[in-house]
């Protein structure tokens, strides 16, 4: 145990740690409070069915994000490297590096969309109800449920609504720009002949690294919309080639922007 007076550096470190904890408690309480405020509206919207109701719930979640992000000091900006048509249906693929990814979705995608997400998250009180009504859930360990989720995503695309898949599946903890991709997004793209549009989350790792729940910090949040990748004429035999093409392009742009998680 150290004896003697606390140095100025030690005092500043203790102060910074205390402020960081207070900020995270504030951000979490605000997160929950806003969820409780929008919850009755989500329940009402859910009665309008998976299409109209789902779109309404996503708009409600966009409102939640428009309030929460500024109040916790996170300033979000979308960057378009190519023109983006919000009325077109795409298969969006995005890198996955932080717990904050789920929240950033509603600030990034300002159009009707359904994300693919883990089924177990739907068990969280209040948030889980909103979550399961706003996305397509999947149990990755259940083959029948994986098939059901794929069919649901295809049906959504046929209705002109975009879908979002994190092709890495889980957090990228490799120290590389990306971890390896699963086939799902690329198989659906080819089978439905829907273009893929990669979107990069550049700052979520800085705002909240994976594995550290009380590590949220204020600051910038950027999402980069890359040029869409056409799939016309491709067949199932082209899945690996398409997957590698998307991976290479996303990796190059992440390195170009100098993302901080690359070792």
Protein backbone atom coordinates (compact mmCIF):
# COMPACT_ATOMS: atom_id res chain seq x y z
CA UNK A 1 0.00 0.00 0.00
CA UNK A 2 1.40 3.39 -1.00
CA UNK A 3 2.04 6.02 1.69
CA UNK A 4 2.39 9.77 1.23
CA UNK A 5 0.42 12.43 -0.59
CA UNK A 6 -1.31 11.81 -3.89
CA UNK A 7 0.61 13.28 -6.81
CA UNK A 8 -0.99 15.62 -9.32
CA UNK A 9 -0.83 12.93 -12.02
CA UNK A 10 -2.48 10.35 -9.76
CA UNK A 11 -5.20 12.83 -8.84
CA UNK A 12 -5.89 13.64 -12.50
CA UNK A 13 -6.01 9.92 -13.36
CA UNK A 14 -8.47 9.29 -10.53
CA UNK A 15 -10.58 12.27 -11.60
CA UNK A 16 -10.61 11.08 -15.23
CA UNK A 17 -11.62 7.57 -14.18
CA UNK A 18 -14.42 8.92 -11.97
CA UNK A 19 -15.75 11.18 -14.72
CA UNK A 20 -15.62 8.30 -17.20
CA UNK A 21 -17.72 6.13 -14.88
CA UNK A 22 -20.21 8.93 -14.22
CA UNK A 23 -20.51 9.57 -17.97
CA UNK A 24 -21.16 5.88 -18.67
CA UNK A 25 -23.78 5.65 -15.92
CA UNK A 26 -25.47 8.76 -17.34
CA UNK A 27 -25.36 7.37 -20.90
CA UNK A 28 -26.77 4.00 -19.80
CA UNK A 29 -29.58 5.52 -17.73
CA UNK A 30 -30.49 7.82 -20.62
CA UNK A 31 -30.40 4.84 -22.99
CA UNK A 32 -32.90 2.97 -20.81
CA UNK A 33 -35.10 6.01 -20.13
CA UNK A 34 -35.49 6.77 -23.84
CA UNK A 35 -36.24 3.10 -24.53
CA UNK A 36 -39.02 3.22 -21.94
CA UNK A 37 -40.42 6.39 -23.52
CA UNK A 38 -40.61 4.90 -27.03
CA UNK A 39 -41.76 1.46 -25.82
CA UNK A 40 -45.54 2.18 -25.86
CA UNK A 41 -45.27 3.50 -29.42
CA UNK A 42 -43.38 0.36 -30.47
CA UNK A 43 -46.13 -1.83 -28.98
CA UNK A 44 -48.78 0.10 -30.93
CA UNK A 45 -46.76 -0.09 -34.17
CA UNK A 46 -46.26 -3.85 -33.78
CA UNK A 47 -50.00 -4.38 -34.34
CA UNK A 48 -49.66 -3.08 -37.91
CA UNK A 49 -47.82 -6.21 -39.04
CA UNK A 50 -44.21 -7.01 -39.95
CA UNK A 51 -44.09 -4.70 -43.00
CA UNK A 52 -45.83 -1.45 -41.99
CA UNK A 53 -45.27 -2.06 -38.30
CA UNK A 54 -41.62 -2.94 -38.79
CA UNK A 55 -41.00 0.21 -40.83
CA UNK A 56 -42.75 2.32 -38.19
CA UNK A 57 -40.72 0.74 -35.39
CA UNK A 58 -37.51 1.48 -37.25
CA UNK A 59 -38.54 5.13 -37.63
CA UNK A 60 -39.27 5.23 -33.90
CA UNK A 61 -35.79 3.83 -33.25
CA UNK A 62 -34.34 6.50 -35.54
CA UNK A 63 -36.01 9.10 -33.32
CA UNK A 64 -34.47 7.40 -30.27
CA UNK A 65 -31.04 7.65 -31.88
CA UNK A 66 -31.54 11.27 -32.89
CA UNK A 67 -32.09 12.10 -29.22
CA UNK A 68 -29.62 9.78 -27.46
CA UNK A 69 -26.52 10.35 -29.58
CA UNK A 70 -26.34 14.16 -29.20
CA UNK A 71 -27.18 13.97 -25.49
CA UNK A 72 -24.20 11.66 -24.87
CA UNK A 73 -21.89 13.77 -27.03
CA UNK A 74 -21.52 11.39 -29.98
CA UNK A 75 -21.74 13.27 -33.26
CA UNK A 76 -22.58 11.02 -36.19
CA UNK A 77 -21.83 11.70 -39.85
CA UNK A 78 -22.51 9.68 -42.99
CA UNK A 79 -19.89 9.85 -45.76
CA UNK A 80 -20.95 8.90 -49.28
CA UNK A 81 -18.11 7.80 -51.55
CA UNK A 82 -20.68 7.26 -54.32
CA UNK A 83 -24.26 8.43 -54.89
CA UNK A 84 -26.77 6.56 -52.73
CA UNK A 85 -30.42 5.96 -53.66
CA UNK A 86 -32.44 5.50 -50.46
CA UNK A 87 -35.39 4.20 -52.48
CA UNK A 88 -33.48 1.20 -53.81
CA UNK A 89 -33.19 -2.12 -52.00
CA UNK A 90 -29.67 -3.22 -51.11
CA UNK A 91 -27.92 -5.86 -49.12
CA UNK A 92 -25.81 -3.74 -46.80
CA UNK A 93 -22.72 -5.39 -45.34
CA UNK A 94 -20.95 -3.71 -42.44
CA UNK A 95 -17.91 -4.43 -40.29
CA UNK A 96 -18.60 -5.54 -36.70
CA UNK A 97 -16.24 -4.29 -33.99
CA UNK A 98 -18.25 -2.89 -31.07
CA UNK A 99 -21.38 -3.23 -28.90
CA UNK A 100 -22.19 0.27 -30.19
CA UNK A 101 -22.73 -1.07 -33.72
CA UNK A 102 -26.40 -1.85 -33.02
CA UNK A 103 -27.12 1.70 -31.89
CA UNK A 104 -25.20 3.30 -34.78
CA UNK A 105 -27.40 1.43 -37.27
CA UNK A 106 -30.30 3.84 -36.73
CA UNK A 107 -28.08 6.88 -37.32
CA UNK A 108 -26.51 5.38 -40.44
CA UNK A 109 -29.34 3.79 -42.39
CA UNK A 110 -32.01 6.44 -42.92
CA UNK A 111 -34.36 4.27 -44.95
CA UNK A 112 -36.52 1.18 -44.37
CA UNK A 113 -34.19 -1.66 -43.41
CA UNK A 114 -34.10 -4.95 -41.51
CA UNK A 115 -30.89 -6.11 -39.87
CA UNK A 116 -30.02 -9.72 -39.09
CA UNK A 117 -29.29 -10.16 -35.39
CA UNK A 118 -28.69 -12.81 -32.74
CA UNK A 119 -31.86 -14.38 -31.37
CA UNK A 120 -30.67 -14.46 -27.74
CA UNK A 121 -30.63 -10.66 -27.56
CA UNK A 122 -34.43 -10.69 -27.90
CA UNK A 123 -34.64 -11.96 -24.32
CA UNK A 124 -33.56 -8.62 -22.80
CA UNK A 125 -36.55 -6.89 -21.15
CA UNK A 126 -38.02 -3.93 -23.11
CA UNK A 127 -35.01 -3.64 -25.44
CA UNK A 128 -35.53 -7.24 -26.57
CA UNK A 129 -39.14 -6.57 -27.58
CA UNK A 130 -38.09 -3.57 -29.67
CA UNK A 131 -35.14 -5.53 -31.07
CA UNK A 132 -37.13 -8.56 -32.26
CA UNK A 133 -39.79 -6.37 -33.90
CA UNK A 134 -37.26 -4.20 -35.72
CA UNK A 135 -34.91 -6.88 -37.09
CA UNK A 136 -34.77 -10.48 -38.30
CA UNK A 137 -33.47 -12.77 -35.57
CA UNK A 138 -31.40 -15.91 -36.09
CA UNK A 139 -30.12 -18.75 -33.95
CA UNK A 140 -26.83 -19.52 -35.70
CA UNK A 141 -26.59 -22.92 -33.97
CA UNK A 142 -29.95 -24.07 -35.35
CA UNK A 143 -30.01 -25.06 -39.03
CA UNK A 144 -33.79 -24.79 -39.29
CA UNK A 145 -33.78 -21.29 -37.77
CA UNK A 146 -30.96 -20.20 -40.09
CA UNK A 147 -33.05 -21.36 -43.06
CA UNK A 148 -36.11 -19.54 -41.69
CA UNK A 149 -34.16 -16.28 -41.29
CA UNK A 150 -32.77 -16.49 -44.84
CA UNK A 151 -36.26 -16.97 -46.27
CA UNK A 152 -37.52 -14.02 -44.22
CA UNK A 153 -34.68 -11.80 -45.47
CA UNK A 154 -35.47 -12.76 -49.07
CA UNK A 155 -39.15 -11.95 -48.55
CA UNK A 156 -38.19 -8.54 -47.18
CA UNK A 157 -36.03 -7.83 -50.23
CA UNK A 158 -38.92 -8.76 -52.53
CA UNK A 159 -40.95 -6.03 -50.81
CA UNK A 160 -38.31 -3.44 -51.73
CA UNK A 161 -36.83 -3.15 -48.24
CA UNK A 162 -33.07 -3.31 -47.72
CA UNK A 163 -31.43 -5.77 -45.36
CA UNK A 164 -28.27 -5.45 -43.26
CA UNK A 165 -25.90 -8.30 -42.46
CA UNK A 166 -22.65 -8.24 -40.51
CA UNK A 167 -20.74 -10.76 -42.68
CA UNK A 168 -18.09 -11.33 -39.98
CA UNK A 169 -20.84 -12.79 -37.80
CA UNK A 170 -19.21 -11.84 -34.50
CA UNK A 171 -16.85 -9.15 -33.21
CA UNK A 172 -13.59 -8.87 -35.10
CA UNK A 173 -10.96 -9.53 -32.45
CA UNK A 174 -8.18 -10.48 -34.87
CA UNK A 175 -6.27 -7.20 -34.89
CA UNK A 176 -6.86 -7.04 -38.65
CA UNK A 177 -9.18 -4.65 -40.48
CA UNK A 178 -11.72 -7.48 -40.88
CA UNK A 179 -12.17 -11.09 -39.85
CA UNK A 180 -13.24 -13.73 -42.35
CA UNK A 181 -16.72 -13.46 -43.89
CA UNK A 182 -19.56 -15.98 -43.83
CA UNK A 183 -21.29 -16.82 -47.11
CA UNK A 184 -24.85 -15.81 -46.16
CA UNK A 185 -25.03 -12.23 -47.41
CA UNK A 186 -23.40 -13.13 -50.71
CA UNK A 187 -25.55 -16.18 -51.32
CA UNK A 188 -28.71 -14.11 -50.73
CA UNK A 189 -27.38 -11.36 -53.02
CA UNK A 190 -26.85 -13.80 -55.87
CA UNK A 191 -30.08 -15.72 -55.34
CA UNK A 192 -32.17 -12.53 -55.27
CA UNK A 193 -29.96 -10.58 -57.71
CA UNK A 194 -29.77 -7.69 -55.22
CA UNK A 195 -26.71 -5.40 -55.28
CA UNK A 196 -24.40 -5.33 -52.27
CA UNK A 197 -23.48 -2.02 -50.70
CA UNK A 198 -20.61 -2.10 -48.19
CA UNK A 199 -20.82 0.40 -45.32
CA UNK A 200 -17.93 0.99 -42.93
CA UNK A 201 -18.22 1.92 -39.25
CA UNK A 202 -14.99 3.82 -38.62
CA UNK A 203 -15.18 5.10 -35.05
CA UNK A 204 -17.34 2.70 -33.03
CA UNK A 205 -14.24 0.94 -31.67
CA UNK A 206 -12.93 4.28 -30.37
CA UNK A 207 -16.28 5.10 -28.81
CA UNK A 208 -16.77 1.66 -27.22
CA UNK A 209 -14.25 -1.20 -27.67
CA UNK A 210 -15.62 -4.74 -27.62
CA UNK A 211 -15.47 -6.48 -24.26
CA UNK A 212 -15.62 -3.24 -22.26
CA UNK A 213 -19.19 -2.26 -21.42
CA UNK A 214 -18.29 0.81 -19.32
CA UNK A 215 -15.88 2.26 -21.88
CA UNK A 216 -18.19 4.56 -23.87
CA UNK A 217 -16.63 7.91 -24.76
CA UNK A 218 -18.04 10.98 -26.52
CA UNK A 219 -16.68 11.99 -29.90
CA UNK A 220 -17.19 11.48 -33.61
CA UNK A 221 -18.92 8.57 -35.30
CA UNK A 222 -18.54 8.13 -39.05
CA UNK A 223 -20.16 5.67 -41.45
CA UNK A 224 -18.87 5.37 -45.01
CA UNK A 225 -21.19 4.27 -47.82
CA UNK A 226 -19.06 2.65 -50.51
CA UNK A 227 -20.02 2.11 -54.13
CA UNK A 228 -22.56 -0.66 -54.67
CA UNK A 229 -21.34 -3.96 -56.09
CA UNK A 230 -23.55 -5.44 -58.80
CA UNK A 231 -24.33 -9.17 -58.87
CA UNK A 232 -26.24 -9.43 -62.15
CA UNK A 233 -25.45 -12.67 -63.94
CA UNK A 234 -23.58 -14.22 -61.02
CA UNK A 235 -24.43 -17.78 -59.95
CA UNK A 236 -23.96 -19.78 -56.76
CA UNK A 237 -20.57 -20.85 -58.09
CA UNK A 238 -19.46 -17.20 -57.82
CA UNK A 239 -20.10 -16.85 -54.07
CA UNK A 240 -16.46 -17.17 -53.05
CA UNK A 241 -15.29 -14.73 -55.72
CA UNK A 242 -17.94 -12.18 -54.75
CA UNK A 243 -17.18 -12.58 -51.05
CA UNK A 244 -13.47 -12.03 -51.62
CA UNK A 245 -14.14 -9.00 -53.82
CA UNK A 246 -16.27 -7.33 -51.13
CA UNK A 247 -13.78 -8.26 -48.41
CA UNK A 248 -10.85 -6.81 -50.35
CA UNK A 249 -12.64 -3.54 -51.11
CA UNK A 250 -13.82 -3.07 -47.52
CA UNK A 251 -10.38 -3.91 -46.12
CA UNK A 252 -8.69 -1.41 -48.44
CA UNK A 253 -11.01 1.42 -47.42
CA UNK A 254 -10.76 0.64 -43.69
CA UNK A 255 -6.97 0.81 -43.97
CA UNK A 256 -7.28 4.00 -46.02
CA UNK A 257 -9.23 5.66 -43.20
CA UNK A 258 -6.69 4.42 -40.65
CA UNK A 259 -9.06 2.59 -38.28
CA UNK A 260 -7.59 2.25 -34.82
CA UNK A 261 -8.16 -1.46 -34.16
CA UNK A 262 -5.65 -2.62 -36.78
CA UNK A 263 -2.50 -3.79 -35.00
